[in-house]
Amino acid sequence: FSPSVGQRIQRKFEILKEMKERGIWLIDTSIIGWYIPQETNYYIAKTSKEVTKLSHQRPDPKLKGPCLRISWEGYVKNLVREATNDGELKLLIPIGKAVEKLLGKSRLVDAVTVEGKSRVKVIDAFYAPNARVKEGYSSTL
């Protein structure tokens, strides 16, 4: 038995809902998608008819850090604080080592600290699903 794509997506959605009900949040900080799948385009040279695959347009990598920080400070941090204050958040899991490195774990902990006491456990980040990891994923889970 091999589940269909729809069944797999539905199960993943159910798992995420269960996690939310338990107060477990997987968090990324960007309010925009950095690596949106794009259509593959090709260029055909007029004289040689050589076909060349064109690279996808991506935002300048130098903008990623500032964008993540602005997204965190202007929006995501407030959602985390609100969920903490409402008692809805119990465990915060940053998605992506880059997120944790750019923000610093202290910013995450500060967001879940109320009256000097951290109300939510913040664990170390793990690699994002699309991360290029030299040693492979098995050692990171």
C-alpha atoms as a PDB file:
ATOM      1  CA  PHE A   1       0.000   0.000   0.000  1.00  0.00           C
ATOM      2  CA  SER A   2       1.409   3.339  -1.040  1.00  0.00           C
ATOM      3  CA  PRO A   3      -0.531   6.414   0.073  1.00  0.00           C
ATOM      4  CA  SER A   4      -1.429   8.963  -2.557  1.00  0.00           C
ATOM      5  CA  VAL A   5       0.076  12.443  -2.572  1.00  0.00           C
ATOM      6  CA  GLY A   6      -3.216  13.794  -1.259  1.00  0.00           C
ATOM      7  CA  GLN A   7      -3.218  11.280   1.602  1.00  0.00           C
ATOM      8  CA  ARG A   8       0.372  12.139   2.522  1.00  0.00           C
ATOM      9  CA  ILE A   9      -0.374  15.863   2.510  1.00  0.00           C
ATOM     10  CA  GLN A  10      -3.498  15.301   4.592  1.00  0.00           C
ATOM     11  CA  ARG A  11      -1.518  13.282   7.157  1.00  0.00           C
ATOM     12  CA  LYS A  12       1.175  15.961   7.382  1.00  0.00           C
ATOM     13  CA  PHE A  13      -1.526  18.561   7.921  1.00  0.00           C
ATOM     14  CA  GLU A  14      -3.047  16.417  10.691  1.00  0.00           C
ATOM     15  CA  ILE A  15       0.349  16.083  12.389  1.00  0.00           C
ATOM     16  CA  LEU A  16       0.868  19.844  12.284  1.00  0.00           C
ATOM     17  CA  LYS A  17      -2.611  20.408  13.753  1.00  0.00           C
ATOM     18  CA  GLU A  18      -1.862  17.920  16.544  1.00  0.00           C
ATOM     19  CA  MET A  19       1.411  19.686  17.273  1.00  0.00           C
ATOM     20  CA  LYS A  20      -0.333  23.063  17.439  1.00  0.00           C
ATOM     21  CA  GLU A  21      -2.967  21.655  19.818  1.00  0.00           C
ATOM     22  CA  ARG A  22      -0.128  20.446  22.068  1.00  0.00           C
ATOM     23  CA  GLY A  23       1.527  23.862  21.975  1.00  0.00           C
ATOM     24  CA  ILE A  24       4.436  22.832  19.755  1.00  0.00           C
ATOM     25  CA  TRP A  25       5.416  25.382  17.124  1.00  0.00           C
ATOM     26  CA  LEU A  26       7.837  24.891  14.264  1.00  0.00           C
ATOM     27  CA  ILE A  27       8.939  28.388  13.430  1.00  0.00           C
ATOM     28  CA  ASP A  28      10.604  30.077  10.525  1.00  0.00           C
ATOM     29  CA  THR A  29      11.022  33.812  10.667  1.00  0.00           C
ATOM     30  CA  SER A  30      10.603  34.943   7.089  1.00  0.00           C
ATOM     31  CA  ILE A  31       7.240  36.305   6.029  1.00  0.00           C
ATOM     32  CA  ILE A  32       8.204  35.696   2.404  1.00  0.00           C
ATOM     33  CA  GLY A  33       9.283  32.552   0.582  1.00  0.00           C
ATOM     34  CA  TRP A  34      12.982  32.714  -0.299  1.00  0.00           C
ATOM     35  CA  TYR A  35      13.126  29.638  -2.473  1.00  0.00           C
ATOM     36  CA  ILE A  36       9.866  29.599  -4.344  1.00  0.00           C
ATOM     37  CA  PRO A  37       9.817  26.924  -7.058  1.00  0.00           C
ATOM     38  CA  GLN A  38      10.034  28.527 -10.448  1.00  0.00           C
ATOM     39  CA  GLU A  39       9.426  27.439 -14.001  1.00  0.00           C
ATOM     40  CA  THR A  40      12.567  26.289 -15.790  1.00  0.00           C
ATOM     41  CA  ASN A  41      13.420  28.531 -18.715  1.00  0.00           C
ATOM     42  CA  TYR A  42      15.811  27.919 -21.578  1.00  0.00           C
ATOM     43  CA  TYR A  43      17.687  30.115 -23.998  1.00  0.00           C
ATOM     44  CA  ILE A  44      18.298  28.994 -27.586  1.00  0.00           C
ATOM     45  CA  ALA A  45      21.250  30.649 -29.317  1.00  0.00           C
ATOM     46  CA  LYS A  46      20.230  32.103 -32.679  1.00  0.00           C
ATOM     47  CA  THR A  47      23.228  30.945 -34.692  1.00  0.00           C
ATOM     48  CA  SER A  48      24.343  27.691 -33.049  1.00  0.00           C
ATOM     49  CA  LYS A  49      20.876  26.652 -31.778  1.00  0.00           C
ATOM     50  CA  GLU A  50      22.615  25.618 -28.541  1.00  0.00           C
ATOM     51  CA  VAL A  51      20.143  25.273 -25.676  1.00  0.00           C
ATOM     52  CA  THR A  52      21.131  26.688 -22.296  1.00  0.00           C
ATOM     53  CA  LYS A  53      19.183  26.320 -19.091  1.00  0.00           C
ATOM     54  CA  LEU A  54      18.720  29.733 -17.466  1.00  0.00           C
ATOM     55  CA  SER A  55      19.286  30.089 -13.730  1.00  0.00           C
ATOM     56  CA  HIS A  56      16.347  30.893 -11.485  1.00  0.00           C
ATOM     57  CA  GLN A  57      16.035  34.412 -10.203  1.00  0.00           C
ATOM     58  CA  ARG A  58      16.677  34.518  -6.476  1.00  0.00           C
ATOM     59  CA  PRO A  59      16.868  37.393  -4.024  1.00  0.00           C
ATOM     60  CA  ASP A  60      20.376  38.622  -3.275  1.00  0.00           C
ATOM     61  CA  PRO A  61      21.724  36.383  -0.461  1.00  0.00           C
ATOM     62  CA  LYS A  62      22.988  39.500   1.352  1.00  0.00           C
ATOM     63  CA  LEU A  63      19.357  40.486   1.904  1.00  0.00           C
ATOM     64  CA  LYS A  64      18.372  37.271   3.682  1.00  0.00           C
ATOM     65  CA  GLY A  65      19.749  38.206   7.115  1.00  0.00           C
ATOM     66  CA  PRO A  66      18.177  41.651   7.258  1.00  0.00           C
ATOM     67  CA  CYS A  67      14.900  40.263   5.895  1.00  0.00           C
ATOM     68  CA  LEU A  68      14.765  37.525   8.547  1.00  0.00           C
ATOM     69  CA  ARG A  69      15.515  40.010  11.330  1.00  0.00           C
ATOM     70  CA  ILE A  70      12.906  42.503  10.101  1.00  0.00           C
ATOM     71  CA  SER A  71      10.306  39.729   9.713  1.00  0.00           C
ATOM     72  CA  TRP A  72      11.074  38.526  13.251  1.00  0.00           C
ATOM     73  CA  GLU A  73      11.066  41.945  14.890  1.00  0.00           C
ATOM     74  CA  GLY A  74       8.081  43.299  12.990  1.00  0.00           C
ATOM     75  CA  TYR A  75       5.757  40.310  12.949  1.00  0.00           C
ATOM     76  CA  VAL A  76       6.779  36.812  14.021  1.00  0.00           C
ATOM     77  CA  LYS A  77       8.069  37.787  17.478  1.00  0.00           C
ATOM     78  CA  ASN A  78       4.695  39.355  18.262  1.00  0.00           C
ATOM     79  CA  LEU A  79       2.840  36.167  17.315  1.00  0.00           C
ATOM     80  CA  VAL A  80       5.171  34.151  19.548  1.00  0.00           C
ATOM     81  CA  ARG A  81       4.680  36.552  22.480  1.00  0.00           C
ATOM     82  CA  GLU A  82       0.918  36.535  22.061  1.00  0.00           C
ATOM     83  CA  ALA A  83       0.794  32.730  21.984  1.00  0.00           C
ATOM     84  CA  THR A  84       3.077  32.613  25.028  1.00  0.00           C
ATOM     85  CA  ASN A  85       0.907  35.055  26.976  1.00  0.00           C
ATOM     86  CA  ASP A  86      -2.243  33.142  26.002  1.00  0.00           C
ATOM     87  CA  GLY A  87      -0.698  29.854  27.194  1.00  0.00           C
ATOM     88  CA  GLU A  88      -0.963  28.314  23.732  1.00  0.00           C
ATOM     89  CA  LEU A  89       2.784  27.856  23.204  1.00  0.00           C
ATOM     90  CA  LYS A  90       4.757  25.221  25.128  1.00  0.00           C
ATOM     91  CA  LEU A  91       7.675  24.327  22.835  1.00  0.00           C
ATOM     92  CA  LEU A  92       9.344  26.470  20.173  1.00  0.00           C
ATOM     93  CA  ILE A  93      11.409  24.748  17.482  1.00  0.00           C
ATOM     94  CA  PRO A  94      13.261  27.019  15.046  1.00  0.00           C
ATOM     95  CA  ILE A  95      13.399  25.576  11.548  1.00  0.00           C
ATOM     96  CA  GLY A  96      16.809  26.062  10.064  1.00  0.00           C
ATOM     97  CA  LYS A  97      20.250  26.563  11.528  1.00  0.00           C
ATOM     98  CA  ALA A  98      20.455  29.799   9.517  1.00  0.00           C
ATOM     99  CA  VAL A  99      17.411  31.173  11.345  1.00  0.00           C
ATOM    100  CA  GLU A 100      18.929  30.425  14.733  1.00  0.00           C
ATOM    101  CA  LYS A 101      22.329  31.783  13.692  1.00  0.00           C
ATOM    102  CA  LEU A 102      20.930  35.020  12.248  1.00  0.00           C
ATOM    103  CA  LEU A 103      18.586  35.759  15.126  1.00  0.00           C
ATOM    104  CA  GLY A 104      20.536  34.257  17.986  1.00  0.00           C
ATOM    105  CA  LYS A 105      18.843  31.922  20.410  1.00  0.00           C
ATOM    106  CA  SER A 106      18.616  34.745  22.954  1.00  0.00           C
ATOM    107  CA  ARG A 107      16.051  36.583  20.784  1.00  0.00           C
ATOM    108  CA  LEU A 108      13.898  33.463  20.694  1.00  0.00           C
ATOM    109  CA  VAL A 109      14.165  32.990  24.455  1.00  0.00           C
ATOM    110  CA  ASP A 110      13.431  36.690  25.093  1.00  0.00           C
ATOM    111  CA  ALA A 111      10.216  36.402  23.075  1.00  0.00           C
ATOM    112  CA  VAL A 112       8.884  33.660  25.369  1.00  0.00           C
ATOM    113  CA  THR A 113      10.028  35.279  28.609  1.00  0.00           C
ATOM    114  CA  VAL A 114       7.292  36.911  30.659  1.00  0.00           C
ATOM    115  CA  GLU A 115       8.027  38.802  33.878  1.00  0.00           C
ATOM    116  CA  GLY A 116      11.595  37.499  33.871  1.00  0.00           C
ATOM    117  CA  LYS A 117      10.597  33.849  33.542  1.00  0.00           C
ATOM    118  CA  SER A 118      10.759  31.757  30.385  1.00  0.00           C
ATOM    119  CA  ARG A 119       7.384  30.078  29.956  1.00  0.00           C
ATOM    120  CA  VAL A 120       8.241  28.107  26.832  1.00  0.00           C
ATOM    121  CA  LYS A 121      11.019  25.667  26.111  1.00  0.00           C
ATOM    122  CA  VAL A 122      13.124  26.717  23.122  1.00  0.00           C
ATOM    123  CA  ILE A 123      15.194  23.902  21.642  1.00  0.00           C
ATOM    124  CA  ASP A 124      18.146  24.103  19.270  1.00  0.00           C
ATOM    125  CA  ALA A 125      17.311  24.449  15.607  1.00  0.00           C
ATOM    126  CA  PHE A 126      17.744  21.645  13.141  1.00  0.00           C
ATOM    127  CA  TYR A 127      18.490  21.905   9.460  1.00  0.00           C
ATOM    128  CA  ALA A 128      15.715  23.132   7.196  1.00  0.00           C
ATOM    129  CA  PRO A 129      14.287  20.484   4.855  1.00  0.00           C
ATOM    130  CA  ASN A 130      15.884  22.118   1.809  1.00  0.00           C
ATOM    131  CA  ALA A 131      19.268  22.746   3.457  1.00  0.00           C
ATOM    132  CA  ARG A 132      22.394  21.484   1.759  1.00  0.00           C
ATOM    133  CA  VAL A 133      24.055  19.450   4.486  1.00  0.00           C
ATOM    134  CA  LYS A 134      27.502  17.970   3.773  1.00  0.00           C
ATOM    135  CA  GLU A 135      27.231  15.190   6.338  1.00  0.00           C
ATOM    136  CA  GLY A 136      23.667  14.276   5.371  1.00  0.00           C
ATOM    137  CA  TYR A 137      20.503  14.449   7.408  1.00  0.00           C
ATOM    138  CA  SER A 138      20.802  11.309   9.548  1.00  0.00           C
ATOM    139  CA  SER A 139      23.298  12.941  11.920  1.00  0.00           C
ATOM    140  CA  THR A 140      21.104  16.005  12.399  1.00  0.00           C
ATOM    141  CA  LEU A 141      17.900  14.329  13.524  1.00  0.00           C
END
